[in-house]
PDB file of all heavy atoms in Angstrom:
ATOM      1  N   GLN A   1      27.494  80.273  62.058  1.00  0.00           N
ATOM      2  CA  GLN A   1      28.266  80.963  63.082  1.00  0.00           C
ATOM      3  C   GLN A   1      27.959  82.459  63.109  1.00  0.00           C
ATOM      4  O   GLN A   1      27.924  83.080  64.164  1.00  0.00           O
ATOM      5  CB  GLN A   1      29.765  80.747  62.857  1.00  0.00           C
ATOM      6  CG  GLN A   1      30.636  81.223  64.014  1.00  0.00           C
ATOM      7  CD  GLN A   1      30.220  80.589  65.330  1.00  0.00           C
ATOM      8  OE1 GLN A   1      30.099  79.363  65.441  1.00  0.00           O
ATOM      9  NE2 GLN A   1      29.978  81.417  66.343  1.00  0.00           N
ATOM     10  N   ILE A   2      27.710  83.033  61.930  1.00  0.00           N
ATOM     11  CA  ILE A   2      27.350  84.457  61.879  1.00  0.00           C
ATOM     12  C   ILE A   2      26.055  84.700  62.647  1.00  0.00           C
ATOM     13  O   ILE A   2      25.945  85.641  63.444  1.00  0.00           O
ATOM     14  CB  ILE A   2      27.211  84.932  60.414  1.00  0.00           C
ATOM     15  CG1 ILE A   2      28.570  84.935  59.725  1.00  0.00           C
ATOM     16  CG2 ILE A   2      26.585  86.324  60.358  1.00  0.00           C
ATOM     17  CD1 ILE A   2      28.508  85.256  58.248  1.00  0.00           C
ATOM     18  N   LEU A   3      25.057  83.855  62.426  1.00  0.00           N
ATOM     19  CA  LEU A   3      23.785  84.039  63.126  1.00  0.00           C
ATOM     20  C   LEU A   3      23.922  83.817  64.622  1.00  0.00           C
ATOM     21  O   LEU A   3      23.328  84.534  65.431  1.00  0.00           O
ATOM     22  CB  LEU A   3      22.727  83.104  62.545  1.00  0.00           C
ATOM     23  CG  LEU A   3      21.956  83.647  61.346  1.00  0.00           C
ATOM     24  CD1 LEU A   3      20.967  82.613  60.834  1.00  0.00           C
ATOM     25  CD2 LEU A   3      21.227  84.933  61.688  1.00  0.00           C
ATOM     26  N   PHE A   4      24.706  82.817  65.025  1.00  0.00           N
ATOM     27  CA  PHE A   4      24.954  82.611  66.449  1.00  0.00           C
ATOM     28  C   PHE A   4      25.555  83.870  67.075  1.00  0.00           C
ATOM     29  O   PHE A   4      25.147  84.320  68.148  1.00  0.00           O
ATOM     30  CB  PHE A   4      25.912  81.438  66.663  1.00  0.00           C
ATOM     31  CG  PHE A   4      25.233  80.125  66.895  1.00  0.00           C
ATOM     32  CD1 PHE A   4      25.527  79.028  66.098  1.00  0.00           C
ATOM     33  CD2 PHE A   4      24.310  79.964  67.914  1.00  0.00           C
ATOM     34  CE1 PHE A   4      24.911  77.808  66.303  1.00  0.00           C
ATOM     35  CE2 PHE A   4      23.688  78.749  68.129  1.00  0.00           C
ATOM     36  CZ  PHE A   4      23.992  77.670  67.326  1.00  0.00           C
ATOM     37  N   THR A   5      26.529  84.435  66.399  1.00  0.00           N
ATOM     38  CA  THR A   5      27.214  85.623  66.910  1.00  0.00           C
ATOM     39  C   THR A   5      26.257  86.808  67.021  1.00  0.00           C
ATOM     40  O   THR A   5      26.226  87.519  68.041  1.00  0.00           O
ATOM     41  CB  THR A   5      28.399  85.987  66.003  1.00  0.00           C
ATOM     42  OG1 THR A   5      29.316  84.889  65.956  1.00  0.00           O
ATOM     43  CG2 THR A   5      29.116  87.231  66.513  1.00  0.00           C
ATOM     44  N   GLU A   6      25.461  87.024  65.986  1.00  0.00           N
ATOM     45  CA  GLU A   6      24.551  88.165  65.981  1.00  0.00           C
ATOM     46  C   GLU A   6      23.450  88.003  67.034  1.00  0.00           C
ATOM     47  O   GLU A   6      23.097  88.957  67.733  1.00  0.00           O
ATOM     48  CB  GLU A   6      23.929  88.336  64.593  1.00  0.00           C
ATOM     49  CG  GLU A   6      24.909  88.748  63.513  1.00  0.00           C
ATOM     50  CD  GLU A   6      25.550  90.092  63.804  1.00  0.00           C
ATOM     51  OE1 GLU A   6      24.848  91.005  64.276  1.00  0.00           O
ATOM     52  OE2 GLU A   6      26.764  90.228  63.572  1.00  0.00           O
ATOM     53  N   LEU A   7      22.904  86.811  67.161  1.00  0.00           N
ATOM     54  CA  LEU A   7      21.879  86.584  68.180  1.00  0.00           C
ATOM     55  C   LEU A   7      22.451  86.795  69.576  1.00  0.00           C
ATOM     56  O   LEU A   7      21.817  87.400  70.448  1.00  0.00           O
ATOM     57  CB  LEU A   7      21.301  85.180  68.044  1.00  0.00           C
ATOM     58  CG  LEU A   7      20.365  84.960  66.861  1.00  0.00           C
ATOM     59  CD1 LEU A   7      20.124  83.469  66.634  1.00  0.00           C
ATOM     60  CD2 LEU A   7      19.043  85.680  67.077  1.00  0.00           C
ATOM     61  N   GLY A   8      23.673  86.304  69.789  1.00  0.00           N
ATOM     62  CA  GLY A   8      24.312  86.493  71.087  1.00  0.00           C
ATOM     63  C   GLY A   8      24.545  87.953  71.408  1.00  0.00           C
ATOM     64  O   GLY A   8      24.361  88.395  72.550  1.00  0.00           O
ATOM     65  N   SER A   9      24.934  88.729  70.401  1.00  0.00           N
ATOM     66  CA  SER A   9      25.194  90.152  70.628  1.00  0.00           C
ATOM     67  C   SER A   9      23.925  90.914  70.984  1.00  0.00           C
ATOM     68  O   SER A   9      23.967  91.977  71.592  1.00  0.00           O
ATOM     69  CB  SER A   9      25.838  90.773  69.382  1.00  0.00           C
ATOM     70  OG  SER A   9      24.904  90.852  68.315  1.00  0.00           O
ATOM     71  N   LEU A  10      22.771  90.365  70.598  1.00  0.00           N
ATOM     72  CA  LEU A  10      21.490  90.985  70.917  1.00  0.00           C
ATOM     73  C   LEU A  10      20.899  90.456  72.224  1.00  0.00           C
ATOM     74  O   LEU A  10      19.795  90.813  72.602  1.00  0.00           O
ATOM     75  CB  LEU A  10      20.504  90.747  69.779  1.00  0.00           C
ATOM     76  CG  LEU A  10      20.816  91.498  68.481  1.00  0.00           C
ATOM     77  CD1 LEU A  10      20.034  90.900  67.328  1.00  0.00           C
ATOM     78  CD2 LEU A  10      20.494  92.973  68.627  1.00  0.00           C
ATOM     79  N   GLY A  11      21.639  89.574  72.895  1.00  0.00           N
ATOM     80  CA  GLY A  11      21.205  89.084  74.191  1.00  0.00           C
ATOM     81  C   GLY A  11      20.280  87.888  74.147  1.00  0.00           C
ATOM     82  O   GLY A  11      19.633  87.571  75.143  1.00  0.00           O
ATOM     83  N   TYR A  12      20.217  87.197  73.020  1.00  0.00           N
ATOM     84  CA  TYR A  12      19.345  86.029  72.898  1.00  0.00           C
ATOM     85  C   TYR A  12      20.152  84.758  73.096  1.00  0.00           C
ATOM     86  O   TYR A  12      21.169  84.540  72.431  1.00  0.00           O
ATOM     87  CB  TYR A  12      18.637  86.018  71.545  1.00  0.00           C
ATOM     88  CG  TYR A  12      17.512  87.023  71.492  1.00  0.00           C
ATOM     89  CD1 TYR A  12      17.776  88.350  71.187  1.00  0.00           C
ATOM     90  CD2 TYR A  12      16.213  86.657  71.802  1.00  0.00           C
ATOM     91  CE1 TYR A  12      16.757  89.288  71.171  1.00  0.00           C
ATOM     92  CE2 TYR A  12      15.190  87.593  71.783  1.00  0.00           C
ATOM     93  CZ  TYR A  12      15.465  88.905  71.469  1.00  0.00           C
ATOM     94  OH  TYR A  12      14.467  89.837  71.463  1.00  0.00           O
ATOM     95  N   GLU A  13      19.692  83.936  74.007  1.00  0.00           N
ATOM     96  CA  GLU A  13      20.395  82.711  74.346  1.00  0.00           C
ATOM     97  C   GLU A  13      20.111  81.618  73.323  1.00  0.00           C
ATOM     98  O   GLU A  13      18.964  81.299  73.039  1.00  0.00           O
ATOM     99  CB  GLU A  13      19.962  82.231  75.729  1.00  0.00           C
ATOM    100  CG  GLU A  13      20.650  80.956  76.184  1.00  0.00           C
ATOM    101  CD  GLU A  13      20.143  80.475  77.527  1.00  0.00           C
ATOM    102  OE1 GLU A  13      19.278  81.159  78.115  1.00  0.00           O
ATOM    103  OE2 GLU A  13      20.610  79.410  77.976  1.00  0.00           O
ATOM    104  N   CYS A  14      21.162  81.039  72.766  1.00  0.00           N
ATOM    105  CA  CYS A  14      21.034  79.962  71.790  1.00  0.00           C
ATOM    106  C   CYS A  14      21.349  78.623  72.443  1.00  0.00           C
ATOM    107  O   CYS A  14      22.231  78.521  73.293  1.00  0.00           O
ATOM    108  CB  CYS A  14      21.993  80.178  70.619  1.00  0.00           C
ATOM    109  SG  CYS A  14      21.687  81.660  69.633  1.00  0.00           S
ATOM    110  N   LEU A  15      20.615  77.603  72.043  1.00  0.00           N
ATOM    111  CA  LEU A  15      20.938  76.253  72.479  1.00  0.00           C
ATOM    112  C   LEU A  15      22.180  75.765  71.745  1.00  0.00           C
ATOM    113  O   LEU A  15      22.377  76.097  70.580  1.00  0.00           O
ATOM    114  CB  LEU A  15      19.785  75.298  72.184  1.00  0.00           C
ATOM    115  CG  LEU A  15      18.454  75.530  72.897  1.00  0.00           C
ATOM    116  CD1 LEU A  15      17.440  74.495  72.426  1.00  0.00           C
ATOM    117  CD2 LEU A  15      18.631  75.451  74.400  1.00  0.00           C
ATOM    118  N   PRO A  16      23.019  74.963  72.406  1.00  0.00           N
ATOM    119  CA  PRO A  16      24.131  74.322  71.682  1.00  0.00           C
ATOM    120  C   PRO A  16      23.574  73.523  70.518  1.00  0.00           C
ATOM    121  O   PRO A  16      22.552  72.851  70.646  1.00  0.00           O
ATOM    122  CB  PRO A  16      24.760  73.416  72.744  1.00  0.00           C
ATOM    123  CG  PRO A  16      24.345  74.000  74.056  1.00  0.00           C
ATOM    124  CD  PRO A  16      22.977  74.581  73.824  1.00  0.00           C
ATOM    125  N   SER A  17      24.216  73.605  69.366  1.00  0.00           N
ATOM    126  CA  SER A  17      23.643  72.990  68.170  1.00  0.00           C
ATOM    127  C   SER A  17      24.720  72.378  67.289  1.00  0.00           C
ATOM    128  O   SER A  17      25.819  72.911  67.160  1.00  0.00           O
ATOM    129  CB  SER A  17      22.875  74.040  67.365  1.00  0.00           C
ATOM    130  OG  SER A  17      22.500  73.541  66.105  1.00  0.00           O
ATOM    131  N   ARG A  18      24.368  71.255  66.705  1.00  0.00           N
ATOM    132  CA  ARG A  18      25.194  70.652  65.655  1.00  0.00           C
ATOM    133  C   ARG A  18      24.314  70.518  64.418  1.00  0.00           C
ATOM    134  O   ARG A  18      23.107  70.409  64.502  1.00  0.00           O
ATOM    135  CB  ARG A  18      25.705  69.280  66.075  1.00  0.00           C
ATOM    136  CG  ARG A  18      26.559  69.291  67.309  1.00  0.00           C
ATOM    137  CD  ARG A  18      27.969  69.828  67.028  1.00  0.00           C
ATOM    138  NE  ARG A  18      28.657  70.128  68.270  1.00  0.00           N
ATOM    139  CZ  ARG A  18      29.206  69.227  69.061  1.00  0.00           C
ATOM    140  NH1 ARG A  18      29.135  67.957  68.733  1.00  0.00           N
ATOM    141  NH2 ARG A  18      29.812  69.590  70.156  1.00  0.00           N
ATOM    142  N   GLY A  19      24.954  70.485  63.279  1.00  0.00           N
ATOM    143  CA  GLY A  19      24.167  70.357  62.060  1.00  0.00           C
ATOM    144  C   GLY A  19      23.729  71.706  61.550  1.00  0.00           C
ATOM    145  O   GLY A  19      24.417  72.713  61.707  1.00  0.00           O
ATOM    146  N   ASN A  20      22.549  71.752  60.949  1.00  0.00           N
ATOM    147  CA  ASN A  20      22.053  73.001  60.371  1.00  0.00           C
ATOM    148  C   ASN A  20      20.797  73.471  61.099  1.00  0.00           C
ATOM    149  O   ASN A  20      19.749  73.690  60.514  1.00  0.00           O
ATOM    150  CB  ASN A  20      21.812  72.858  58.868  1.00  0.00           C
ATOM    151  CG  ASN A  20      20.957  71.649  58.515  1.00  0.00           C
ATOM    152  OD1 ASN A  20      20.780  70.742  59.315  1.00  0.00           O
ATOM    153  ND2 ASN A  20      20.419  71.628  57.308  1.00  0.00           N
ATOM    154  N   PHE A  21      20.940  73.630  62.414  1.00  0.00           N
ATOM    155  CA  PHE A  21      19.868  74.136  63.271  1.00  0.00           C
ATOM    156  C   PHE A  21      20.406  75.267  64.143  1.00  0.00           C
ATOM    157  O   PHE A  21      21.555  75.235  64.577  1.00  0.00           O
ATOM    158  CB  PHE A  21      19.348  73.054  64.221  1.00  0.00           C
ATOM    159  CG  PHE A  21      18.701  71.885  63.557  1.00  0.00           C
ATOM    160  CD1 PHE A  21      19.449  70.799  63.160  1.00  0.00           C
ATOM    161  CD2 PHE A  21      17.330  71.857  63.351  1.00  0.00           C
ATOM    162  CE1 PHE A  21      18.853  69.708  62.560  1.00  0.00           C
ATOM    163  CE2 PHE A  21      16.727  70.770  62.755  1.00  0.00           C
ATOM    164  CZ  PHE A  21      17.490  69.691  62.356  1.00  0.00           C
ATOM    165  N   ILE A  22      19.547  76.241  64.405  1.00  0.00           N
ATOM    166  CA  ILE A  22      19.814  77.232  65.444  1.00  0.00           C
ATOM    167  C   ILE A  22      18.529  77.392  66.238  1.00  0.00           C
ATOM    168  O   ILE A  22      17.476  77.666  65.674  1.00  0.00           O
ATOM    169  CB  ILE A  22      20.227  78.599  64.865  1.00  0.00           C
ATOM    170  CG1 ILE A  22      21.511  78.471  64.046  1.00  0.00           C
ATOM    171  CG2 ILE A  22      20.420  79.613  65.988  1.00  0.00           C
ATOM    172  CD1 ILE A  22      21.915  79.757  63.352  1.00  0.00           C
ATOM    173  N   SER A  23      18.614  77.206  67.555  1.00  0.00           N
ATOM    174  CA  SER A  23      17.445  77.377  68.417  1.00  0.00           C
ATOM    175  C   SER A  23      17.774  78.428  69.471  1.00  0.00           C
ATOM    176  O   SER A  23      18.811  78.362  70.119  1.00  0.00           O
ATOM    177  CB  SER A  23      17.089  76.062  69.118  1.00  0.00           C
ATOM    178  OG  SER A  23      16.802  75.051  68.183  1.00  0.00           O
ATOM    179  N   PHE A  24      16.882  79.399  69.635  1.00  0.00           N
ATOM    180  CA  PHE A  24      17.121  80.422  70.643  1.00  0.00           C
ATOM    181  C   PHE A  24      15.817  80.809  71.328  1.00  0.00           C
ATOM    182  O   PHE A  24      14.738  80.653  70.772  1.00  0.00           O
ATOM    183  CB  PHE A  24      17.797  81.657  70.040  1.00  0.00           C
ATOM    184  CG  PHE A  24      16.997  82.365  68.985  1.00  0.00           C
ATOM    185  CD1 PHE A  24      16.231  83.468  69.308  1.00  0.00           C
ATOM    186  CD2 PHE A  24      17.030  81.936  67.670  1.00  0.00           C
ATOM    187  CE1 PHE A  24      15.502  84.131  68.337  1.00  0.00           C
ATOM    188  CE2 PHE A  24      16.310  82.595  66.693  1.00  0.00           C
ATOM    189  CZ  PHE A  24      15.537  83.700  67.027  1.00  0.00           C
ATOM    190  N   ASP A  25      15.946  81.300  72.549  1.00  0.00           N
ATOM    191  CA  ASP A  25      14.795  81.610  73.383  1.00  0.00           C
ATOM    192  C   ASP A  25      14.219  82.967  73.002  1.00  0.00           C
ATOM    193  O   ASP A  25      14.869  83.994  73.158  1.00  0.00           O
ATOM    194  CB  ASP A  25      15.231  81.611  74.852  1.00  0.00           C
ATOM    195  CG  ASP A  25      14.059  81.773  75.800  1.00  0.00           C
ATOM    196  OD1 ASP A  25      12.921  81.949  75.323  1.00  0.00           O
ATOM    197  OD2 ASP A  25      14.284  81.722  77.017  1.00  0.00           O
ATOM    198  N   CYS A  26      12.964  82.962  72.520  1.00  0.00           N
ATOM    199  CA  CYS A  26      12.337  84.222  72.119  1.00  0.00           C
ATOM    200  C   CYS A  26      11.457  84.808  73.220  1.00  0.00           C
ATOM    201  O   CYS A  26      11.006  85.934  73.115  1.00  0.00           O
ATOM    202  CB  CYS A  26      11.496  84.031  70.866  1.00  0.00           C
ATOM    203  SG  CYS A  26       9.992  83.084  71.148  1.00  0.00           S
ATOM    204  N   LYS A  27      11.187  84.004  74.279  1.00  0.00           N
ATOM    205  CA  LYS A  27      10.374  84.465  75.413  1.00  0.00           C
ATOM    206  C   LYS A  27       9.012  85.000  74.963  1.00  0.00           C
ATOM    207  O   LYS A  27       8.520  86.003  75.482  1.00  0.00           O
ATOM    208  CB  LYS A  27      11.126  85.524  76.204  1.00  0.00           C
ATOM    209  CG  LYS A  27      12.474  85.057  76.732  1.00  0.00           C
ATOM    210  CD  LYS A  27      13.171  86.168  77.502  1.00  0.00           C
ATOM    211  CE  LYS A  27      14.510  85.701  78.042  1.00  0.00           C
ATOM    212  NZ  LYS A  27      15.470  85.434  76.962  1.00  0.00           N
ATOM    213  N   GLU A  28       8.422  84.331  73.981  1.00  0.00           N
ATOM    214  CA  GLU A  28       7.132  84.764  73.451  1.00  0.00           C
ATOM    215  C   GLU A  28       6.280  83.552  73.143  1.00  0.00           C
ATOM    216  O   GLU A  28       6.785  82.533  72.651  1.00  0.00           O
ATOM    217  CB  GLU A  28       7.346  85.581  72.175  1.00  0.00           C
ATOM    218  CG  GLU A  28       6.102  85.837  71.348  1.00  0.00           C
ATOM    219  CD  GLU A  28       5.204  86.900  71.940  1.00  0.00           C
ATOM    220  OE1 GLU A  28       5.608  87.505  72.951  1.00  0.00           O
ATOM    221  OE2 GLU A  28       4.110  87.134  71.399  1.00  0.00           O
ATOM    222  N   ASP A  29       5.004  83.637  73.457  1.00  0.00           N
ATOM    223  CA  ASP A  29       4.100  82.569  73.065  1.00  0.00           C
ATOM    224  C   ASP A  29       4.100  82.446  71.542  1.00  0.00           C
ATOM    225  O   ASP A  29       3.937  83.425  70.815  1.00  0.00           O
ATOM    226  CB  ASP A  29       2.688  82.861  73.556  1.00  0.00           C
ATOM    227  CG  ASP A  29       1.722  81.751  73.172  1.00  0.00           C
ATOM    228  OD1 ASP A  29       1.637  80.758  73.903  1.00  0.00           O
ATOM    229  OD2 ASP A  29       1.082  81.885  72.117  1.00  0.00           O
ATOM    230  N   SER A  30       4.277  81.226  71.078  1.00  0.00           N
ATOM    231  CA  SER A  30       4.503  81.018  69.654  1.00  0.00           C
ATOM    232  C   SER A  30       3.329  81.459  68.782  1.00  0.00           C
ATOM    233  O   SER A  30       3.504  82.098  67.748  1.00  0.00           O
ATOM    234  CB  SER A  30       4.809  79.547  69.395  1.00  0.00           C
ATOM    235  OG  SER A  30       3.754  78.737  69.872  1.00  0.00           O
ATOM    236  N   LYS A  31       2.130  81.096  69.176  1.00  0.00           N
ATOM    237  CA  LYS A  31       0.971  81.431  68.348  1.00  0.00           C
ATOM    238  C   LYS A  31       0.736  82.937  68.309  1.00  0.00           C
ATOM    239  O   LYS A  31       0.362  83.490  67.270  1.00  0.00           O
ATOM    240  CB  LYS A  31      -0.265  80.702  68.870  1.00  0.00           C
ATOM    241  CG  LYS A  31      -0.195  79.194  68.659  1.00  0.00           C
ATOM    242  CD  LYS A  31      -1.462  78.505  69.125  1.00  0.00           C
ATOM    243  CE  LYS A  31      -1.380  77.001  68.881  1.00  0.00           C
ATOM    244  NZ  LYS A  31      -2.597  76.291  69.345  1.00  0.00           N
ATOM    245  N   ASP A  32       0.960  83.601  69.446  1.00  0.00           N
ATOM    246  CA  ASP A  32       0.810  85.053  69.466  1.00  0.00           C
ATOM    247  C   ASP A  32       1.798  85.714  68.511  1.00  0.00           C
ATOM    248  O   ASP A  32       1.452  86.630  67.753  1.00  0.00           O
ATOM    249  CB  ASP A  32       1.030  85.599  70.880  1.00  0.00           C
ATOM    250  CG  ASP A  32      -0.125  85.270  71.809  1.00  0.00           C
ATOM    251  OD1 ASP A  32      -1.190  84.840  71.304  1.00  0.00           O
ATOM    252  OD2 ASP A  32       0.027  85.437  73.031  1.00  0.00           O
ATOM    253  N   ALA A  33       3.049  85.228  68.549  1.00  0.00           N
ATOM    254  CA  ALA A  33       4.071  85.801  67.680  1.00  0.00           C
ATOM    255  C   ALA A  33       3.721  85.582  66.215  1.00  0.00           C
ATOM    256  O   ALA A  33       3.893  86.465  65.373  1.00  0.00           O
ATOM    257  CB  ALA A  33       5.432  85.188  67.997  1.00  0.00           C
ATOM    258  N   PHE A  34       3.216  84.395  65.917  1.00  0.00           N
ATOM    259  CA  PHE A  34       2.854  84.087  64.533  1.00  0.00           C
ATOM    260  C   PHE A  34       1.734  85.003  64.048  1.00  0.00           C
ATOM    261  O   PHE A  34       1.766  85.527  62.939  1.00  0.00           O
ATOM    262  CB  PHE A  34       2.440  82.631  64.424  1.00  0.00           C
ATOM    263  CG  PHE A  34       1.998  82.239  63.040  1.00  0.00           C
ATOM    264  CD1 PHE A  34       2.885  82.289  61.982  1.00  0.00           C
ATOM    265  CD2 PHE A  34       0.705  81.825  62.788  1.00  0.00           C
ATOM    266  CE1 PHE A  34       2.499  81.923  60.704  1.00  0.00           C
ATOM    267  CE2 PHE A  34       0.297  81.474  61.509  1.00  0.00           C
ATOM    268  CZ  PHE A  34       1.199  81.521  60.466  1.00  0.00           C
ATOM    269  N   ASN A  35       0.734  85.209  64.897  1.00  0.00           N
ATOM    270  CA  ASN A  35      -0.383  86.081  64.510  1.00  0.00           C
ATOM    271  C   ASN A  35       0.089  87.513  64.275  1.00  0.00           C
ATOM    272  O   ASN A  35      -0.412  88.202  63.381  1.00  0.00           O
ATOM    273  CB  ASN A  35      -1.469  86.041  65.587  1.00  0.00           C
ATOM    274  CG  ASN A  35      -2.207  84.721  65.606  1.00  0.00           C
ATOM    275  OD1 ASN A  35      -2.315  84.051  64.582  1.00  0.00           O
ATOM    276  ND2 ASN A  35      -2.703  84.323  66.772  1.00  0.00           N
TER     277      ASN A  35
END
């Protein structure tokens, strides 16, 4: 819940989640971000 709150305060949209997952939109190509 802390991470959901902090991500939301920074303007990042999180998917509804159950369990021990948090998914949010980073608007970045994954491989580019990894590099």
